[in-house]
Amino acid sequence: MAKAARSRPYMTPKEVAAELMVTPETVRLWVQKGLLKAELTAGGHRRFKPEDVTAFARSRRSRNPDDPLRLLIVDDERQIVEMLYDLFETSDFPVVCDSATSGFEAGRKVVSFSPDVMLLDLMMPGIDGFEVCAQVHADRSRHVHVIAMTGFYSPDNVERVLAAGAAACLPKPLDLGHLEHYLRELAPRPAANTA
């Protein structure tokens, strides 16, 4: 649907919402706040130029590489999310965390939180981690690195999620040292000191 929308000169609010993985209500709020440019038809309907939608998506992703790593933790098990939050609160590695407990919520947080890295559980009800990973690595979200995690670690699952665009797949329970190594590798590089 996104490719078809791009071939036309304008997109509908519903197409923009699908493209950015948010609800049409979120798109409406962005327009009201002046964050996303829209044009009105003679009938009073909002329409969006694809280039304006792309520029908006890019502007939401731009950030200073000296900022802390933005990490989105996606797992339907709340205790795993809390354990990871605790880990990074006590770590010397600068991380800002947010979380989602479903694949649908993860899609919304990719837009609203603009993570650098998503730590993604594969086995979730509804939209599973494989589908989330594939959606994140569509054109509009290539900037998000995905580290998959699963209690069902197998060559087939690893191959499948890497093919969907993940940078790595880790078994649960997580080796926290291994996880931090991957996060350091994926973090934006700060400006070099010239001292």
Protein backbone atom coordinates (compact mmCIF):
# COMPACT_ATOMS: atom_id res chain seq x y z
CA MET A 1 0.00 0.00 0.00
CA ALA A 2 2.85 2.42 0.82
CA LYS A 3 4.39 2.05 -2.66
CA ALA A 4 1.05 2.75 -4.31
CA ALA A 5 0.58 5.84 -2.13
CA ARG A 6 3.99 7.18 -3.13
CA SER A 7 3.16 6.96 -6.86
CA ARG A 8 0.28 9.45 -6.41
CA PRO A 9 0.89 13.16 -5.78
CA TYR A 10 -0.96 13.12 -2.42
CA MET A 11 -1.53 10.74 0.49
CA THR A 12 -4.62 10.46 2.67
CA PRO A 13 -4.40 10.64 6.50
CA LYS A 14 -5.01 6.90 6.62
CA GLU A 15 -2.10 6.23 4.23
CA VAL A 16 0.19 8.52 6.24
CA ALA A 17 -0.81 6.73 9.46
CA ALA A 18 0.00 3.34 7.88
CA GLU A 19 3.30 4.66 6.51
CA LEU A 20 4.41 6.03 9.90
CA MET A 21 2.88 3.16 11.92
CA VAL A 22 0.61 5.41 14.00
CA THR A 23 -3.13 6.01 14.22
CA PRO A 24 -4.89 8.59 12.02
CA GLU A 25 -5.63 10.47 15.26
CA THR A 26 -1.87 10.91 15.84
CA VAL A 27 -1.49 12.27 12.30
CA ARG A 28 -4.32 14.75 12.98
CA LEU A 29 -2.61 15.93 16.19
CA TRP A 30 0.71 16.44 14.38
CA VAL A 31 -1.09 18.60 11.81
CA GLN A 32 -2.86 20.63 14.53
CA LYS A 33 0.47 21.24 16.29
CA GLY A 34 2.05 22.38 13.03
CA LEU A 35 4.54 19.51 12.98
CA LEU A 36 3.32 17.90 9.74
CA LYS A 37 2.33 19.94 6.69
CA ALA A 38 -1.08 19.16 5.15
CA GLU A 39 -3.16 20.67 2.38
CA LEU A 40 -6.94 20.86 2.30
CA THR A 41 -9.06 19.73 -0.62
CA ALA A 42 -12.05 21.75 -1.79
CA GLY A 43 -14.17 19.39 0.32
CA GLY A 44 -12.12 20.11 3.46
CA HIS A 45 -10.17 16.81 3.55
CA ARG A 46 -6.50 16.72 4.51
CA ARG A 47 -3.97 15.51 1.93
CA PHE A 48 -0.22 15.12 2.31
CA LYS A 49 2.62 15.32 -0.20
CA PRO A 50 4.79 12.17 0.09
CA GLU A 51 7.94 14.33 0.24
CA ASP A 52 6.52 16.23 3.24
CA VAL A 53 5.78 12.94 5.02
CA THR A 54 9.32 11.70 4.31
CA ALA A 55 10.85 14.99 5.56
CA PHE A 56 8.73 14.81 8.71
CA ALA A 57 9.82 11.22 9.41
CA ARG A 58 13.49 12.15 8.91
CA SER A 59 13.22 15.19 11.18
CA ARG A 60 11.84 13.02 13.98
CA ARG A 61 14.89 10.76 13.68
CA SER A 62 17.65 13.36 13.58
CA ARG A 63 19.64 13.65 16.80
CA ASN A 64 23.06 14.54 18.11
CA PRO A 65 25.45 11.54 18.27
CA ASP A 66 26.67 12.85 21.67
CA ASP A 67 23.20 12.12 23.12
CA PRO A 68 22.60 8.88 25.04
CA LEU A 69 21.56 5.81 23.08
CA ARG A 70 17.77 5.62 22.73
CA LEU A 71 16.66 2.05 23.46
CA LEU A 72 13.15 0.70 22.98
CA ILE A 73 12.54 -2.51 24.94
CA VAL A 74 9.72 -4.60 23.45
CA ASP A 75 8.56 -7.61 25.47
CA ASP A 76 5.16 -8.79 26.63
CA GLU A 77 6.71 -9.98 29.92
CA ARG A 78 6.76 -6.97 32.24
CA GLN A 79 9.42 -8.46 34.57
CA ILE A 80 11.92 -8.64 31.68
CA VAL A 81 11.26 -5.01 30.82
CA GLU A 82 11.77 -4.00 34.48
CA MET A 83 14.99 -6.05 34.75
CA LEU A 84 16.41 -4.32 31.66
CA TYR A 85 15.40 -0.88 32.95
CA ASP A 86 17.20 -1.68 36.24
CA LEU A 87 20.28 -2.85 34.34
CA PHE A 88 20.63 0.40 32.42
CA GLU A 89 19.85 2.64 35.39
CA THR A 90 22.94 1.24 37.15
CA SER A 91 25.14 1.00 34.05
CA ASP A 92 27.83 3.53 33.12
CA PHE A 93 26.63 3.18 29.52
CA PRO A 94 24.43 6.24 28.72
CA VAL A 95 21.00 4.92 27.66
CA VAL A 96 17.50 6.42 27.60
CA CYS A 97 14.87 3.67 27.67
CA ASP A 98 11.25 3.35 26.71
CA SER A 99 9.19 0.20 26.44
CA ALA A 100 6.31 -1.46 24.64
CA THR A 101 4.47 -4.63 25.60
CA SER A 102 3.04 -5.51 22.17
CA GLY A 103 4.03 -5.41 18.53
CA PHE A 104 1.39 -2.79 17.80
CA GLU A 105 2.63 -0.51 20.58
CA ALA A 106 6.21 -1.02 19.34
CA GLY A 107 5.23 0.36 15.94
CA ARG A 108 3.82 3.51 17.55
CA LYS A 109 6.90 3.96 19.75
CA VAL A 110 9.25 3.75 16.74
CA VAL A 111 7.67 7.01 15.59
CA SER A 112 7.04 8.76 18.92
CA PHE A 113 10.24 7.73 20.76
CA SER A 114 12.62 7.51 17.74
CA PRO A 115 14.88 4.77 19.15
CA ASP A 116 18.37 4.04 17.89
CA VAL A 117 18.03 0.40 18.94
CA MET A 118 15.05 -1.84 19.57
CA LEU A 119 15.50 -4.83 21.88
CA LEU A 120 12.72 -7.06 20.54
CA ASP A 121 11.16 -10.25 21.89
CA LEU A 122 10.20 -12.61 19.06
CA MET A 123 7.32 -14.50 20.62
CA MET A 124 4.50 -12.11 21.48
CA PRO A 125 0.75 -12.48 20.98
CA GLY A 126 -0.79 -10.65 18.04
CA ILE A 127 1.97 -9.02 16.01
CA ASP A 128 5.08 -11.10 16.75
CA GLY A 129 8.67 -9.91 16.73
CA PHE A 130 9.38 -11.21 13.23
CA GLU A 131 6.62 -9.02 11.79
CA VAL A 132 7.67 -6.00 13.88
CA CYS A 133 11.26 -6.39 12.66
CA ALA A 134 10.15 -6.59 9.02
CA GLN A 135 7.98 -3.46 9.41
CA VAL A 136 10.74 -1.52 11.15
CA HIS A 137 13.12 -2.24 8.33
CA ALA A 138 10.82 -0.91 5.63
CA ASP A 139 12.07 2.27 3.96
CA ARG A 140 10.82 4.69 6.59
CA SER A 141 12.54 3.08 9.59
CA ARG A 142 15.93 1.76 8.47
CA HIS A 143 17.63 3.87 11.13
CA VAL A 144 16.43 1.55 13.93
CA HIS A 145 18.77 -1.34 14.72
CA VAL A 146 16.97 -4.41 16.01
CA ILE A 147 18.46 -6.84 18.51
CA ALA A 148 16.07 -9.76 18.76
CA MET A 149 15.78 -11.87 21.91
CA THR A 150 13.99 -15.15 22.38
CA GLY A 151 13.47 -18.07 24.71
CA PHE A 152 12.96 -20.17 21.55
CA TYR A 153 16.49 -19.78 20.23
CA SER A 154 16.97 -22.03 17.21
CA PRO A 155 18.88 -21.80 13.93
CA ASP A 156 15.55 -21.38 12.09
CA ASN A 157 14.38 -18.48 14.30
CA VAL A 158 17.78 -16.79 14.14
CA GLU A 159 17.92 -17.08 10.35
CA ARG A 160 14.35 -15.84 10.00
CA VAL A 161 14.80 -12.70 12.15
CA LEU A 162 18.17 -11.84 10.59
CA ALA A 163 16.52 -12.12 7.16
CA ALA A 164 13.84 -9.70 8.43
CA GLY A 165 16.59 -7.15 9.18
CA ALA A 166 17.75 -7.75 12.78
CA ALA A 167 21.36 -6.93 13.62
CA ALA A 168 21.58 -9.85 16.07
CA CYS A 169 19.52 -12.45 17.89
CA LEU A 170 20.26 -13.32 21.52
CA PRO A 171 18.93 -16.26 23.56
CA LYS A 172 16.97 -15.79 26.78
CA PRO A 173 17.92 -15.64 29.55
CA LEU A 174 20.03 -12.77 28.27
CA ASP A 175 23.78 -12.62 28.75
CA LEU A 176 23.83 -8.98 29.90
CA GLY A 177 27.50 -8.49 29.05
CA HIS A 178 26.85 -9.72 25.52
CA LEU A 179 23.83 -7.40 25.23
CA GLU A 180 25.82 -4.36 26.36
CA HIS A 181 28.55 -5.24 23.82
CA TYR A 182 25.97 -5.13 20.99
CA LEU A 183 24.50 -1.85 22.25
CA ARG A 184 27.94 -0.23 22.36
CA GLU A 185 28.55 -1.39 18.78
CA LEU A 186 25.26 0.06 17.55
CA ALA A 187 25.39 3.35 19.49
CA PRO A 188 25.98 6.51 17.44
CA ARG A 189 29.61 7.53 17.71
CA PRO A 190 30.25 10.70 19.74
CA ALA A 191 32.42 13.44 18.31
CA ALA A 192 36.12 12.68 18.71
CA ASN A 193 38.11 14.64 21.30
CA THR A 194 41.03 16.58 19.89
CA ALA A 195 42.92 16.92 23.17
